[in-house]
Amino acid sequence: MVRGVRGAITADANTAEAIHAATTEVLREIVRLNGIQPEDVASVLFTTTPDLNAAFPAKAARDMGWHQVALMGFQEMDVPDGVKLCIRVLVHWNTTKQQHELEHVYLKGAVSLRPELSTPRKK
């Protein structure tokens, strides 16, 4: 079964380094909390708010070794009063886990998107 695991984080700035660091952080936390193996990932969708254009977030996944995973990036709508400098991630993961067992990850300024899912979890 394919499940979608969500995550989001804000970058510290519109630089390649900040985008890469933030994307790596949220991906690593998604992987850690859910026990995801790269060979079980079908694809990953990345979005950035319009104020982030210095680098592709997907490069962080490639640098983590996800060379065979289908990756795609998009730009979010420019919604007034929306979270700025935000990177969102949707991992399509082949798993036997039930939806209620998935650990979605919202970090830094993205906590406001889903505060009920943003409490720190340990595994």
PDB file of N, CA and C in Angstrom:
ATOM      1  N   MET A   1       0.845  -1.176   0.000  1.00  0.00           N
ATOM      2  CA  MET A   1       0.000   0.000   0.000  1.00  0.00           C
ATOM      3  C   MET A   1       0.888   1.237   0.000  1.00  0.00           C
ATOM      4  N   VAL A   2       0.471   2.261  -0.710  1.00  0.00           N
ATOM      5  CA  VAL A   2       1.207   3.523  -0.728  1.00  0.00           C
ATOM      6  C   VAL A   2       0.529   4.493   0.228  1.00  0.00           C
ATOM      7  N   ARG A   3       1.327   5.091   1.089  1.00  0.00           N
ATOM      8  CA  ARG A   3       0.845   6.105   2.036  1.00  0.00           C
ATOM      9  C   ARG A   3       1.584   7.410   1.787  1.00  0.00           C
ATOM     10  N   GLY A   4       0.947   8.509   2.106  1.00  0.00           N
ATOM     11  CA  GLY A   4       1.579   9.822   1.998  1.00  0.00           C
ATOM     12  C   GLY A   4       1.999  10.317   3.360  1.00  0.00           C
ATOM     13  N   VAL A   5       3.267  10.651   3.485  1.00  0.00           N
ATOM     14  CA  VAL A   5       3.792  11.213   4.734  1.00  0.00           C
ATOM     15  C   VAL A   5       4.143  12.660   4.460  1.00  0.00           C
ATOM     16  N   ARG A   6       3.576  13.567   5.250  1.00  0.00           N
ATOM     17  CA  ARG A   6       3.754  14.992   5.041  1.00  0.00           C
ATOM     18  C   ARG A   6       4.804  15.564   5.973  1.00  0.00           C
ATOM     19  N   GLY A   7       5.399  16.647   5.506  1.00  0.00           N
ATOM     20  CA  GLY A   7       6.325  17.397   6.331  1.00  0.00           C
ATOM     21  C   GLY A   7       6.470  18.804   5.799  1.00  0.00           C
ATOM     22  N   ALA A   8       6.904  19.700   6.651  1.00  0.00           N
ATOM     23  CA  ALA A   8       7.161  21.078   6.243  1.00  0.00           C
ATOM     24  C   ALA A   8       8.143  21.702   7.223  1.00  0.00           C
ATOM     25  N   ILE A   9       8.876  22.677   6.715  1.00  0.00           N
ATOM     26  CA  ILE A   9       9.875  23.384   7.500  1.00  0.00           C
ATOM     27  C   ILE A   9      10.088  24.747   6.863  1.00  0.00           C
ATOM     28  N   THR A  10      10.559  25.689   7.632  1.00  0.00           N
ATOM     29  CA  THR A  10      10.950  26.968   7.056  1.00  0.00           C
ATOM     30  C   THR A  10      12.470  27.037   6.972  1.00  0.00           C
ATOM     31  N   ALA A  11      12.931  27.638   5.900  1.00  0.00           N
ATOM     32  CA  ALA A  11      14.365  27.866   5.712  1.00  0.00           C
ATOM     33  C   ALA A  11      14.744  29.164   6.414  1.00  0.00           C
ATOM     34  N   ASP A  12      16.005  29.292   6.776  1.00  0.00           N
ATOM     35  CA  ASP A  12      16.473  30.498   7.450  1.00  0.00           C
ATOM     36  C   ASP A  12      16.641  31.673   6.494  1.00  0.00           C
ATOM     37  N   ALA A  13      16.810  31.371   5.192  1.00  0.00           N
ATOM     38  CA  ALA A  13      17.022  32.418   4.191  1.00  0.00           C
ATOM     39  C   ALA A  13      16.821  31.818   2.809  1.00  0.00           C
ATOM     40  N   ASN A  14      16.751  32.671   1.810  1.00  0.00           N
ATOM     41  CA  ASN A  14      16.654  32.219   0.420  1.00  0.00           C
ATOM     42  C   ASN A  14      18.057  32.034  -0.150  1.00  0.00           C
ATOM     43  N   THR A  15      18.749  31.031   0.371  1.00  0.00           N
ATOM     44  CA  THR A  15      20.072  30.669  -0.141  1.00  0.00           C
ATOM     45  C   THR A  15      20.067  29.171  -0.412  1.00  0.00           C
ATOM     46  N   ALA A  16      20.947  28.737  -1.303  1.00  0.00           N
ATOM     47  CA  ALA A  16      21.045  27.311  -1.597  1.00  0.00           C
ATOM     48  C   ALA A  16      21.365  26.520  -0.332  1.00  0.00           C
ATOM     49  N   GLU A  17      22.251  27.055   0.484  1.00  0.00           N
ATOM     50  CA  GLU A  17      22.654  26.364   1.707  1.00  0.00           C
ATOM     51  C   GLU A  17      21.493  26.227   2.690  1.00  0.00           C
ATOM     52  N   ALA A  18      20.720  27.295   2.868  1.00  0.00           N
ATOM     53  CA  ALA A  18      19.609  27.262   3.818  1.00  0.00           C
ATOM     54  C   ALA A  18      18.496  26.335   3.333  1.00  0.00           C
ATOM     55  N   ILE A  19      18.219  26.334   2.046  1.00  0.00           N
ATOM     56  CA  ILE A  19      17.192  25.455   1.483  1.00  0.00           C
ATOM     57  C   ILE A  19      17.626  23.995   1.629  1.00  0.00           C
ATOM     58  N   HIS A  20      18.876  23.722   1.322  1.00  0.00           N
ATOM     59  CA  HIS A  20      19.401  22.356   1.433  1.00  0.00           C
ATOM     60  C   HIS A  20      19.368  21.887   2.890  1.00  0.00           C
ATOM     61  N   ALA A  21      19.807  22.725   3.806  1.00  0.00           N
ATOM     62  CA  ALA A  21      19.838  22.347   5.228  1.00  0.00           C
ATOM     63  C   ALA A  21      18.429  22.083   5.756  1.00  0.00           C
ATOM     64  N   ALA A  22      17.486  22.945   5.436  1.00  0.00           N
ATOM     65  CA  ALA A  22      16.121  22.774   5.926  1.00  0.00           C
ATOM     66  C   ALA A  22      15.479  21.518   5.339  1.00  0.00           C
ATOM     67  N   THR A  23      15.664  21.305   4.052  1.00  0.00           N
ATOM     68  CA  THR A  23      15.076  20.126   3.412  1.00  0.00           C
ATOM     69  C   THR A  23      15.681  18.851   3.981  1.00  0.00           C
ATOM     70  N   THR A  24      16.978  18.837   4.170  1.00  0.00           N
ATOM     71  CA  THR A  24      17.646  17.679   4.762  1.00  0.00           C
ATOM     72  C   THR A  24      17.099  17.409   6.162  1.00  0.00           C
ATOM     73  N   GLU A  25      16.925  18.451   6.945  1.00  0.00           N
ATOM     74  CA  GLU A  25      16.421  18.292   8.310  1.00  0.00           C
ATOM     75  C   GLU A  25      15.035  17.667   8.339  1.00  0.00           C
ATOM     76  N   VAL A  26      14.121  18.173   7.525  1.00  0.00           N
ATOM     77  CA  VAL A  26      12.755  17.639   7.556  1.00  0.00           C
ATOM     78  C   VAL A  26      12.714  16.223   6.978  1.00  0.00           C
ATOM     79  N   LEU A  27      13.475  15.951   5.928  1.00  0.00           N
ATOM     80  CA  LEU A  27      13.498  14.598   5.373  1.00  0.00           C
ATOM     81  C   LEU A  27      14.071  13.595   6.363  1.00  0.00           C
ATOM     82  N   ARG A  28      15.164  13.948   7.012  1.00  0.00           N
ATOM     83  CA  ARG A  28      15.771  13.034   7.991  1.00  0.00           C
ATOM     84  C   ARG A  28      14.813  12.729   9.139  1.00  0.00           C
ATOM     85  N   GLU A  29      14.066  13.731   9.570  1.00  0.00           N
ATOM     86  CA  GLU A  29      13.119  13.516  10.662  1.00  0.00           C
ATOM     87  C   GLU A  29      11.946  12.637  10.206  1.00  0.00           C
ATOM     88  N   ILE A  30      11.456  12.843   8.995  1.00  0.00           N
ATOM     89  CA  ILE A  30      10.400  11.985   8.450  1.00  0.00           C
ATOM     90  C   ILE A  30      10.882  10.534   8.383  1.00  0.00           C
ATOM     91  N   VAL A  31      12.083  10.344   7.879  1.00  0.00           N
ATOM     92  CA  VAL A  31      12.673   9.008   7.756  1.00  0.00           C
ATOM     93  C   VAL A  31      12.862   8.376   9.133  1.00  0.00           C
ATOM     94  N   ARG A  32      13.417   9.134  10.060  1.00  0.00           N
ATOM     95  CA  ARG A  32      13.700   8.615  11.401  1.00  0.00           C
ATOM     96  C   ARG A  32      12.420   8.198  12.121  1.00  0.00           C
ATOM     97  N   LEU A  33      11.426   9.052  12.113  1.00  0.00           N
ATOM     98  CA  LEU A  33      10.204   8.772  12.860  1.00  0.00           C
ATOM     99  C   LEU A  33       9.380   7.638  12.261  1.00  0.00           C
ATOM    100  N   ASN A  34       9.470   7.458  10.955  1.00  0.00           N
ATOM    101  CA  ASN A  34       8.653   6.451  10.288  1.00  0.00           C
ATOM    102  C   ASN A  34       9.406   5.180   9.922  1.00  0.00           C
ATOM    103  N   GLY A  35      10.734   5.186  10.047  1.00  0.00           N
ATOM    104  CA  GLY A  35      11.507   4.007   9.678  1.00  0.00           C
ATOM    105  C   GLY A  35      11.521   3.761   8.181  1.00  0.00           C
ATOM    106  N   ILE A  36      11.556   4.819   7.413  1.00  0.00           N
ATOM    107  CA  ILE A  36      11.491   4.725   5.954  1.00  0.00           C
ATOM    108  C   ILE A  36      12.843   4.314   5.383  1.00  0.00           C
ATOM    109  N   GLN A  37      12.803   3.377   4.446  1.00  0.00           N
ATOM    110  CA  GLN A  37      13.980   2.967   3.679  1.00  0.00           C
ATOM    111  C   GLN A  37      13.839   3.549   2.267  1.00  0.00           C
ATOM    112  N   PRO A  38      14.903   4.087   1.693  1.00  0.00           N
ATOM    113  CA  PRO A  38      14.808   4.697   0.359  1.00  0.00           C
ATOM    114  C   PRO A  38      14.201   3.775  -0.694  1.00  0.00           C
ATOM    115  N   GLU A  39      14.469   2.486  -0.636  1.00  0.00           N
ATOM    116  CA  GLU A  39      13.939   1.570  -1.654  1.00  0.00           C
ATOM    117  C   GLU A  39      12.423   1.396  -1.566  1.00  0.00           C
ATOM    118  N   ASP A  40      11.817   1.850  -0.462  1.00  0.00           N
ATOM    119  CA  ASP A  40      10.365   1.782  -0.304  1.00  0.00           C
ATOM    120  C   ASP A  40       9.663   3.083  -0.683  1.00  0.00           C
ATOM    121  N   VAL A  41      10.424   4.104  -1.067  1.00  0.00           N
ATOM    122  CA  VAL A  41       9.846   5.394  -1.431  1.00  0.00           C
ATOM    123  C   VAL A  41       9.511   5.390  -2.923  1.00  0.00           C
ATOM    124  N   ALA A  42       8.250   5.617  -3.250  1.00  0.00           N
ATOM    125  CA  ALA A  42       7.807   5.646  -4.644  1.00  0.00           C
ATOM    126  C   ALA A  42       8.159   6.979  -5.293  1.00  0.00           C
ATOM    127  N   SER A  43       7.887   8.069  -4.584  1.00  0.00           N
ATOM    128  CA  SER A  43       8.183   9.399  -5.112  1.00  0.00           C
ATOM    129  C   SER A  43       8.070  10.423  -3.995  1.00  0.00           C
ATOM    130  N   VAL A  44       8.605  11.608  -4.259  1.00  0.00           N
ATOM    131  CA  VAL A  44       8.531  12.701  -3.290  1.00  0.00           C
ATOM    132  C   VAL A  44       8.185  13.977  -4.057  1.00  0.00           C
ATOM    133  N   LEU A  45       7.209  14.701  -3.549  1.00  0.00           N
ATOM    134  CA  LEU A  45       6.858  16.017  -4.090  1.00  0.00           C
ATOM    135  C   LEU A  45       7.343  17.075  -3.114  1.00  0.00           C
ATOM    136  N   PHE A  46       7.981  18.098  -3.659  1.00  0.00           N
ATOM    137  CA  PHE A  46       8.469  19.227  -2.869  1.00  0.00           C
ATOM    138  C   PHE A  46       7.777  20.487  -3.367  1.00  0.00           C
ATOM    139  N   THR A  47       7.383  21.351  -2.447  1.00  0.00           N
ATOM    140  CA  THR A  47       6.932  22.679  -2.839  1.00  0.00           C
ATOM    141  C   THR A  47       7.697  23.708  -2.026  1.00  0.00           C
ATOM    142  N   THR A  48       7.839  24.887  -2.616  1.00  0.00           N
ATOM    143  CA  THR A  48       8.433  26.019  -1.910  1.00  0.00           C
ATOM    144  C   THR A  48       7.527  27.221  -2.098  1.00  0.00           C
ATOM    145  N   THR A  49       7.535  28.094  -1.126  1.00  0.00           N
ATOM    146  CA  THR A  49       6.822  29.346  -1.282  1.00  0.00           C
ATOM    147  C   THR A  49       7.582  30.202  -2.293  1.00  0.00           C
ATOM    148  N   PRO A  50       6.920  31.163  -2.931  1.00  0.00           N
ATOM    149  CA  PRO A  50       7.561  31.951  -3.990  1.00  0.00           C
ATOM    150  C   PRO A  50       8.826  32.701  -3.564  1.00  0.00           C
ATOM    151  N   ASP A  51       9.006  32.905  -2.275  1.00  0.00           N
ATOM    152  CA  ASP A  51      10.199  33.614  -1.806  1.00  0.00           C
ATOM    153  C   ASP A  51      11.426  32.714  -1.692  1.00  0.00           C
ATOM    154  N   LEU A  52      11.293  31.438  -2.034  1.00  0.00           N
ATOM    155  CA  LEU A  52      12.431  30.506  -2.060  1.00  0.00           C
ATOM    156  C   LEU A  52      12.688  30.067  -3.502  1.00  0.00           C
ATOM    157  N   ASN A  53      13.787  30.540  -4.066  1.00  0.00           N
ATOM    158  CA  ASN A  53      14.103  30.172  -5.446  1.00  0.00           C
ATOM    159  C   ASN A  53      15.607  30.010  -5.687  1.00  0.00           C
ATOM    160  N   ALA A  54      16.382  29.913  -4.625  1.00  0.00           N
ATOM    161  CA  ALA A  54      17.839  29.835  -4.764  1.00  0.00           C
ATOM    162  C   ALA A  54      18.341  28.418  -5.060  1.00  0.00           C
ATOM    163  N   ALA A  55      17.496  27.408  -4.842  1.00  0.00           N
ATOM    164  CA  ALA A  55      17.922  26.021  -5.075  1.00  0.00           C
ATOM    165  C   ALA A  55      16.699  25.113  -5.103  1.00  0.00           C
ATOM    166  N   PHE A  56      16.894  23.929  -5.662  1.00  0.00           N
ATOM    167  CA  PHE A  56      15.852  22.910  -5.672  1.00  0.00           C
ATOM    168  C   PHE A  56      15.932  22.079  -4.387  1.00  0.00           C
ATOM    169  N   PRO A  57      14.835  21.955  -3.633  1.00  0.00           N
ATOM    170  CA  PRO A  57      14.856  21.116  -2.435  1.00  0.00           C
ATOM    171  C   PRO A  57      15.188  19.655  -2.738  1.00  0.00           C
ATOM    172  N   ALA A  58      14.835  19.170  -3.915  1.00  0.00           N
ATOM    173  CA  ALA A  58      15.078  17.767  -4.264  1.00  0.00           C
ATOM    174  C   ALA A  58      16.562  17.399  -4.207  1.00  0.00           C
ATOM    175  N   LYS A  59      17.443  18.371  -4.359  1.00  0.00           N
ATOM    176  CA  LYS A  59      18.881  18.085  -4.287  1.00  0.00           C
ATOM    177  C   LYS A  59      19.248  17.484  -2.938  1.00  0.00           C
ATOM    178  N   ALA A  60      18.571  17.898  -1.881  1.00  0.00           N
ATOM    179  CA  ALA A  60      18.846  17.337  -0.556  1.00  0.00           C
ATOM    180  C   ALA A  60      18.539  15.844  -0.531  1.00  0.00           C
ATOM    181  N   ALA A  61      17.450  15.431  -1.164  1.00  0.00           N
ATOM    182  CA  ALA A  61      17.119  14.005  -1.218  1.00  0.00           C
ATOM    183  C   ALA A  61      18.166  13.248  -2.020  1.00  0.00           C
ATOM    184  N   ARG A  62      18.614  13.814  -3.122  1.00  0.00           N
ATOM    185  CA  ARG A  62      19.667  13.168  -3.919  1.00  0.00           C
ATOM    186  C   ARG A  62      20.946  13.028  -3.089  1.00  0.00           C
ATOM    187  N   ASP A  63      21.273  14.070  -2.348  1.00  0.00           N
ATOM    188  CA  ASP A  63      22.476  14.034  -1.516  1.00  0.00           C
ATOM    189  C   ASP A  63      22.356  13.045  -0.355  1.00  0.00           C
ATOM    190  N   MET A  64      21.124  12.656  -0.010  1.00  0.00           N
ATOM    191  CA  MET A  64      20.896  11.634   1.013  1.00  0.00           C
ATOM    192  C   MET A  64      20.972  10.235   0.412  1.00  0.00           C
ATOM    193  N   GLY A  65      21.188  10.151  -0.902  1.00  0.00           N
ATOM    194  CA  GLY A  65      21.304   8.851  -1.547  1.00  0.00           C
ATOM    195  C   GLY A  65      20.048   8.371  -2.251  1.00  0.00           C
ATOM    196  N   TRP A  66      19.045   9.214  -2.373  1.00  0.00           N
ATOM    197  CA  TRP A  66      17.798   8.829  -3.019  1.00  0.00           C
ATOM    198  C   TRP A  66      17.924   9.000  -4.532  1.00  0.00           C
ATOM    199  N   HIS A  67      18.809   8.228  -5.138  1.00  0.00           N
ATOM    200  CA  HIS A  67      19.113   8.376  -6.558  1.00  0.00           C
ATOM    201  C   HIS A  67      18.070   7.739  -7.468  1.00  0.00           C
ATOM    202  N   GLN A  68      17.343   6.746  -6.997  1.00  0.00           N
ATOM    203  CA  GLN A  68      16.360   6.053  -7.822  1.00  0.00           C
ATOM    204  C   GLN A  68      14.924   6.502  -7.537  1.00  0.00           C
ATOM    205  N   VAL A  69      14.755   7.411  -6.607  1.00  0.00           N
ATOM    206  CA  VAL A  69      13.423   7.888  -6.232  1.00  0.00           C
ATOM    207  C   VAL A  69      13.002   9.008  -7.174  1.00  0.00           C
ATOM    208  N   ALA A  70      11.755   8.952  -7.641  1.00  0.00           N
ATOM    209  CA  ALA A  70      11.217  10.024  -8.479  1.00  0.00           C
ATOM    210  C   ALA A  70      10.950  11.250  -7.607  1.00  0.00           C
ATOM    211  N   LEU A  71      11.546  12.384  -7.984  1.00  0.00           N
ATOM    212  CA  LEU A  71      11.412  13.629  -7.224  1.00  0.00           C
ATOM    213  C   LEU A  71      10.858  14.713  -8.137  1.00  0.00           C
ATOM    214  N   MET A  72       9.998  15.572  -7.595  1.00  0.00           N
ATOM    215  CA  MET A  72       9.423  16.653  -8.383  1.00  0.00           C
ATOM    216  C   MET A  72       9.217  17.865  -7.490  1.00  0.00           C
ATOM    217  N   GLY A  73       9.522  19.040  -8.016  1.00  0.00           N
ATOM    218  CA  GLY A  73       9.362  20.274  -7.257  1.00  0.00           C
ATOM    219  C   GLY A  73       8.339  21.206  -7.888  1.00  0.00           C
ATOM    220  N   PHE A  74       7.654  21.948  -7.048  1.00  0.00           N
ATOM    221  CA  PHE A  74       6.625  22.890  -7.473  1.00  0.00           C
ATOM    222  C   PHE A  74       6.716  24.156  -6.627  1.00  0.00           C
ATOM    223  N   GLN A  75       6.086  25.211  -7.113  1.00  0.00           N
ATOM    224  CA  GLN A  75       5.998  26.440  -6.331  1.00  0.00           C
ATOM    225  C   GLN A  75       4.594  26.559  -5.773  1.00  0.00           C
ATOM    226  N   GLU A  76       4.504  26.897  -4.495  1.00  0.00           N
ATOM    227  CA  GLU A  76       3.216  27.097  -3.831  1.00  0.00           C
ATOM    228  C   GLU A  76       2.555  28.387  -4.317  1.00  0.00           C
ATOM    229  N   MET A  77       1.269  28.485  -4.089  1.00  0.00           N
ATOM    230  CA  MET A  77       0.547  29.729  -4.358  1.00  0.00           C
ATOM    231  C   MET A  77       1.051  30.806  -3.401  1.00  0.00           C
ATOM    232  N   ASP A  78       1.018  32.036  -3.847  1.00  0.00           N
ATOM    233  CA  ASP A  78       1.432  33.171  -3.019  1.00  0.00           C
ATOM    234  C   ASP A  78       0.216  33.671  -2.240  1.00  0.00           C
ATOM    235  N   VAL A  79      -0.096  32.988  -1.154  1.00  0.00           N
ATOM    236  CA  VAL A  79      -1.271  33.300  -0.356  1.00  0.00           C
ATOM    237  C   VAL A  79      -0.941  34.418   0.632  1.00  0.00           C
ATOM    238  N   PRO A  80      -1.760  35.477   0.665  1.00  0.00           N
ATOM    239  CA  PRO A  80      -1.507  36.539   1.647  1.00  0.00           C
ATOM    240  C   PRO A  80      -1.488  35.960   3.061  1.00  0.00           C
ATOM    241  N   ASP A  81      -0.560  36.412   3.854  1.00  0.00           N
ATOM    242  CA  ASP A  81      -0.399  35.973   5.244  1.00  0.00           C
ATOM    243  C   ASP A  81      -0.024  34.496   5.372  1.00  0.00           C
ATOM    244  N   GLY A  82       0.435  33.863   4.291  1.00  0.00           N
ATOM    245  CA  GLY A  82       0.893  32.475   4.359  1.00  0.00           C
ATOM    246  C   GLY A  82       2.268  32.402   5.004  1.00  0.00           C
ATOM    247  N   VAL A  83       2.673  31.207   5.374  1.00  0.00           N
ATOM    248  CA  VAL A  83       3.993  30.992   5.960  1.00  0.00           C
ATOM    249  C   VAL A  83       5.044  31.312   4.908  1.00  0.00           C
ATOM    250  N   LYS A  84       6.023  32.101   5.254  1.00  0.00           N
ATOM    251  CA  LYS A  84       7.093  32.499   4.330  1.00  0.00           C
ATOM    252  C   LYS A  84       8.279  31.540   4.442  1.00  0.00           C
ATOM    253  N   LEU A  85       9.080  31.501   3.391  1.00  0.00           N
ATOM    254  CA  LEU A  85      10.306  30.680   3.341  1.00  0.00           C
ATOM    255  C   LEU A  85      10.020  29.217   3.693  1.00  0.00           C
ATOM    256  N   CYS A  86       8.897  28.696   3.210  1.00  0.00           N
ATOM    257  CA  CYS A  86       8.424  27.372   3.607  1.00  0.00           C
ATOM    258  C   CYS A  86       8.673  26.321   2.522  1.00  0.00           C
ATOM    259  N   ILE A  87       9.171  25.186   2.959  1.00  0.00           N
ATOM    260  CA  ILE A  87       9.367  24.015   2.111  1.00  0.00           C
ATOM    261  C   ILE A  87       8.415  22.940   2.615  1.00  0.00           C
ATOM    262  N   ARG A  88       7.591  22.420   1.715  1.00  0.00           N
ATOM    263  CA  ARG A  88       6.678  21.335   2.066  1.00  0.00           C
ATOM    264  C   ARG A  88       7.107  20.069   1.326  1.00  0.00           C
ATOM    265  N   VAL A  89       6.870  18.934   1.958  1.00  0.00           N
ATOM    266  CA  VAL A  89       7.296  17.648   1.410  1.00  0.00           C
ATOM    267  C   VAL A  89       6.130  16.662   1.519  1.00  0.00           C
ATOM    268  N   LEU A  90       5.932  15.880   0.459  1.00  0.00           N
ATOM    269  CA  LEU A  90       4.975  14.771   0.490  1.00  0.00           C
ATOM    270  C   LEU A  90       5.700  13.533  -0.022  1.00  0.00           C
ATOM    271  N   VAL A  91       5.951  12.595   0.885  1.00  0.00           N
ATOM    272  CA  VAL A  91       6.651  11.352   0.560  1.00  0.00           C
ATOM    273  C   VAL A  91       5.606  10.269   0.299  1.00  0.00           C
ATOM    274  N   HIS A  92       5.632   9.690  -0.896  1.00  0.00           N
ATOM    275  CA  HIS A  92       4.777   8.543  -1.229  1.00  0.00           C
ATOM    276  C   HIS A  92       5.565   7.281  -0.898  1.00  0.00           C
ATOM    277  N   TRP A  93       5.109   6.577   0.125  1.00  0.00           N
ATOM    278  CA  TRP A  93       5.878   5.504   0.735  1.00  0.00           C
ATOM    279  C   TRP A  93       5.099   4.191   0.691  1.00  0.00           C
ATOM    280  N   ASN A  94       5.741   3.152   0.183  1.00  0.00           N
ATOM    281  CA  ASN A  94       5.175   1.802   0.184  1.00  0.00           C
ATOM    282  C   ASN A  94       5.384   1.206   1.571  1.00  0.00           C
ATOM    283  N   THR A  95       4.276   0.975   2.279  1.00  0.00           N
ATOM    284  CA  THR A  95       4.353   0.513   3.664  1.00  0.00           C
ATOM    285  C   THR A  95       3.112  -0.282   4.032  1.00  0.00           C
ATOM    286  N   THR A  96       3.233  -1.089   5.045  1.00  0.00           N
ATOM    287  CA  THR A  96       2.078  -1.806   5.585  1.00  0.00           C
ATOM    288  C   THR A  96       1.464  -1.050   6.768  1.00  0.00           C
ATOM    289  N   LYS A  97       2.059   0.077   7.147  1.00  0.00           N
ATOM    290  CA  LYS A  97       1.523   0.850   8.268  1.00  0.00           C
ATOM    291  C   LYS A  97       0.157   1.428   7.920  1.00  0.00           C
ATOM    292  N   GLN A  98      -0.662   1.558   8.939  1.00  0.00           N
ATOM    293  CA  GLN A  98      -1.966   2.204   8.795  1.00  0.00           C
ATOM    294  C   GLN A  98      -1.783   3.726   8.858  1.00  0.00           C
ATOM    295  N   GLN A  99      -2.743   4.469   8.336  1.00  0.00           N
ATOM    296  CA  GLN A  99      -2.609   5.927   8.309  1.00  0.00           C
ATOM    297  C   GLN A  99      -2.394   6.519   9.694  1.00  0.00           C
ATOM    298  N   HIS A 100      -3.062   5.992  10.699  1.00  0.00           N
ATOM    299  CA  HIS A 100      -2.911   6.549  12.048  1.00  0.00           C
ATOM    300  C   HIS A 100      -1.529   6.287  12.643  1.00  0.00           C
ATOM    301  N   GLU A 101      -0.748   5.420  12.022  1.00  0.00           N
ATOM    302  CA  GLU A 101       0.596   5.119  12.507  1.00  0.00           C
ATOM    303  C   GLU A 101       1.668   6.031  11.898  1.00  0.00           C
ATOM    304  N   LEU A 102       1.315   6.797  10.883  1.00  0.00           N
ATOM    305  CA  LEU A 102       2.283   7.665  10.217  1.00  0.00           C
ATOM    306  C   LEU A 102       2.627   8.862  11.090  1.00  0.00           C
ATOM    307  N   GLU A 103       3.875   9.270  11.011  1.00  0.00           N
ATOM    308  CA  GLU A 103       4.360  10.427  11.764  1.00  0.00           C
ATOM    309  C   GLU A 103       4.655  11.552  10.774  1.00  0.00           C
ATOM    310  N   HIS A 104       3.799  12.551  10.743  1.00  0.00           N
ATOM    311  CA  HIS A 104       4.013  13.717   9.904  1.00  0.00           C
ATOM    312  C   HIS A 104       4.878  14.710  10.680  1.00  0.00           C
ATOM    313  N   VAL A 105       5.669  15.507   9.972  1.00  0.00           N
ATOM    314  CA  VAL A 105       6.683  16.337  10.626  1.00  0.00           C
ATOM    315  C   VAL A 105       6.541  17.795  10.200  1.00  0.00           C
ATOM    316  N   TYR A 106       6.352  18.675  11.163  1.00  0.00           N
ATOM    317  CA  TYR A 106       6.276  20.120  10.917  1.00  0.00           C
ATOM    318  C   TYR A 106       7.265  20.798  11.854  1.00  0.00           C
ATOM    319  N   LEU A 107       8.223  21.508  11.274  1.00  0.00           N
ATOM    320  CA  LEU A 107       9.321  22.081  12.047  1.00  0.00           C
ATOM    321  C   LEU A 107       9.439  23.589  11.828  1.00  0.00           C
ATOM    322  N   LYS A 108      10.068  24.237  12.782  1.00  0.00           N
ATOM    323  CA  LYS A 108      10.349  25.684  12.753  1.00  0.00           C
ATOM    324  C   LYS A 108       9.061  26.472  12.505  1.00  0.00           C
ATOM    325  N   GLY A 109       9.088  27.433  11.588  1.00  0.00           N
ATOM    326  CA  GLY A 109       7.910  28.266  11.333  1.00  0.00           C
ATOM    327  C   GLY A 109       6.747  27.523  10.726  1.00  0.00           C
ATOM    328  N   ALA A 110       6.974  26.312  10.206  1.00  0.00           N
ATOM    329  CA  ALA A 110       5.904  25.514   9.608  1.00  0.00           C
ATOM    330  C   ALA A 110       5.017  24.848  10.655  1.00  0.00           C
ATOM    331  N   VAL A 111       5.393  24.929  11.926  1.00  0.00           N
ATOM    332  CA  VAL A 111       4.571  24.369  12.997  1.00  0.00           C
ATOM    333  C   VAL A 111       3.168  24.960  12.935  1.00  0.00           C
ATOM    334  N   SER A 112       3.046  26.211  12.542  1.00  0.00           N
ATOM    335  CA  SER A 112       1.741  26.867  12.485  1.00  0.00           C
ATOM    336  C   SER A 112       0.799  26.243  11.456  1.00  0.00           C
ATOM    337  N   LEU A 113       1.339  25.492  10.498  1.00  0.00           N
ATOM    338  CA  LEU A 113       0.496  24.844   9.492  1.00  0.00           C
ATOM    339  C   LEU A 113      -0.324  23.709  10.087  1.00  0.00           C
ATOM    340  N   ARG A 114       0.272  22.958  10.987  1.00  0.00           N
ATOM    341  CA  ARG A 114      -0.391  21.809  11.624  1.00  0.00           C
ATOM    342  C   ARG A 114       0.089  21.675  13.055  1.00  0.00           C
ATOM    343  N   PRO A 115      -0.292  22.588  13.939  1.00  0.00           N
ATOM    344  CA  PRO A 115       0.216  22.550  15.313  1.00  0.00           C
ATOM    345  C   PRO A 115      -0.087  21.239  16.040  1.00  0.00           C
ATOM    346  N   GLU A 116      -1.194  20.601  15.701  1.00  0.00           N
ATOM    347  CA  GLU A 116      -1.548  19.342  16.370  1.00  0.00           C
ATOM    348  C   GLU A 116      -0.598  18.203  16.011  1.00  0.00           C
ATOM    349  N   LEU A 117       0.153  18.349  14.914  1.00  0.00           N
ATOM    350  CA  LEU A 117       1.106  17.330  14.495  1.00  0.00           C
ATOM    351  C   LEU A 117       2.540  17.713  14.812  1.00  0.00           C
ATOM    352  N   SER A 118       2.735  18.826  15.483  1.00  0.00           N
ATOM    353  CA  SER A 118       4.075  19.396  15.635  1.00  0.00           C
ATOM    354  C   SER A 118       4.714  19.147  16.991  1.00  0.00           C
ATOM    355  N   THR A 119       4.070  18.376  17.835  1.00  0.00           N
ATOM    356  CA  THR A 119       4.707  18.083  19.115  1.00  0.00           C
ATOM    357  C   THR A 119       5.889  17.152  18.888  1.00  0.00           C
ATOM    358  N   PRO A 120       6.998  17.408  19.541  1.00  0.00           N
ATOM    359  CA  PRO A 120       8.191  16.559  19.346  1.00  0.00           C
ATOM    360  C   PRO A 120       7.896  15.109  19.717  1.00  0.00           C
ATOM    361  N   ARG A 121       8.293  14.208  18.847  1.00  0.00           N
ATOM    362  CA  ARG A 121       8.092  12.785  19.098  1.00  0.00           C
ATOM    363  C   ARG A 121       9.440  12.100  19.095  1.00  0.00           C
ATOM    364  N   LYS A 122       9.564  11.119  19.912  1.00  0.00           N
ATOM    365  CA  LYS A 122      10.823  10.373  19.988  1.00  0.00           C
ATOM    366  C   LYS A 122      10.564   8.944  19.544  1.00  0.00           C
ATOM    367  N   LYS A 123      11.485   8.407  18.781  1.00  0.00           N
ATOM    368  CA  LYS A 123      11.431   6.989  18.398  1.00  0.00           C
ATOM    369  C   LYS A 123      12.809   6.441  18.386  1.00  0.00           C
TER     370      LYS A 123
END
